[in-house]
Amino acid sequence: MTFGEKLQELRKARGWSQEELAGQIHVSRQALSKWESGGAVPDTENIIALSRLFGVTTDYLLGVTENKKRP
């Protein structure tokens, strides 16, 4: 599963629109859309923000591990 697919899955599981999630991490909806479609990758600061917001590891988001829960 790609970063974008994971991000979309996590967002939809919370019932959030792209606009709602983008507002929570202070990026544009267009940026979030590009991340989900694979057209761009967020910077480190935004990956960490997403990790904290969703309660998953950065390793999970980046595809280093399949374990999505933090220890």
Protein backbone atom coordinates (compact mmCIF):
# COMPACT_ATOMS: atom_id res chain seq x y z
CA MET A 1 0.00 0.00 0.00
CA THR A 2 1.40 3.40 -0.96
CA PHE A 3 1.72 6.44 1.30
CA GLY A 4 -1.21 8.06 -0.49
CA GLU A 5 -3.42 5.00 -0.10
CA LYS A 6 -2.61 4.79 3.60
CA LEU A 7 -3.32 8.47 4.09
CA GLN A 8 -6.65 8.23 2.28
CA GLU A 9 -7.63 5.12 4.25
CA LEU A 10 -6.81 6.80 7.57
CA ARG A 11 -8.67 9.97 6.60
CA LYS A 12 -11.78 8.13 5.45
CA ALA A 13 -11.79 5.94 8.58
CA ARG A 14 -12.20 9.16 10.58
CA GLY A 15 -14.93 10.39 8.26
CA TRP A 16 -12.95 13.49 7.30
CA SER A 17 -12.97 15.25 3.96
CA GLN A 18 -9.70 16.31 2.39
CA GLU A 19 -10.58 19.88 3.35
CA GLU A 20 -11.09 18.93 7.02
CA LEU A 21 -7.80 17.05 7.27
CA ALA A 22 -5.91 19.77 5.41
CA GLY A 23 -7.23 22.35 7.88
CA GLN A 24 -6.06 20.30 10.85
CA ILE A 25 -2.47 20.19 9.64
CA HIS A 26 -2.50 23.65 8.04
CA VAL A 27 -1.96 22.74 4.39
CA SER A 28 -4.13 23.31 1.33
CA ARG A 29 -6.68 20.76 0.18
CA GLN A 30 -4.81 20.67 -3.12
CA ALA A 31 -1.59 19.63 -1.36
CA LEU A 32 -3.41 16.87 0.48
CA SER A 33 -5.00 15.70 -2.77
CA LYS A 34 -1.56 15.47 -4.40
CA TRP A 35 -0.25 13.43 -1.47
CA GLU A 36 -3.16 10.98 -1.73
CA SER A 37 -2.83 10.64 -5.50
CA GLY A 38 0.94 10.14 -5.36
CA GLY A 39 1.66 13.37 -7.22
CA ALA A 40 3.70 14.73 -4.32
CA VAL A 41 5.06 13.70 -0.93
CA PRO A 42 4.73 15.80 2.23
CA ASP A 43 7.79 17.18 3.96
CA THR A 44 9.08 15.66 7.20
CA GLU A 45 7.18 18.11 9.39
CA ASN A 46 3.86 17.16 7.79
CA ILE A 47 4.60 13.43 7.95
CA ILE A 48 5.21 13.79 11.68
CA ALA A 49 2.00 15.83 12.08
CA LEU A 50 0.00 13.16 10.24
CA SER A 51 1.60 10.42 12.33
CA ARG A 52 0.63 12.15 15.56
CA LEU A 53 -2.86 13.03 14.36
CA PHE A 54 -3.69 9.47 13.32
CA GLY A 55 -1.75 7.69 16.08
CA VAL A 56 0.42 5.73 13.67
CA THR A 57 4.17 5.55 13.26
CA THR A 58 6.03 7.46 10.59
CA ASP A 59 7.47 4.08 9.56
CA TYR A 60 3.96 2.85 8.82
CA LEU A 61 3.10 5.92 6.76
CA LEU A 62 6.31 5.66 4.78
CA GLY A 63 5.97 1.93 4.17
CA VAL A 64 8.89 0.84 6.34
CA THR A 65 6.67 -1.40 8.46
CA GLU A 66 3.14 -2.72 8.30
CA ASN A 67 2.55 -2.25 12.04
CA LYS A 68 0.46 0.91 12.19
CA LYS A 69 0.09 1.18 15.97
CA ARG A 70 2.65 3.00 18.05
CA PRO A 71 4.24 0.98 20.84
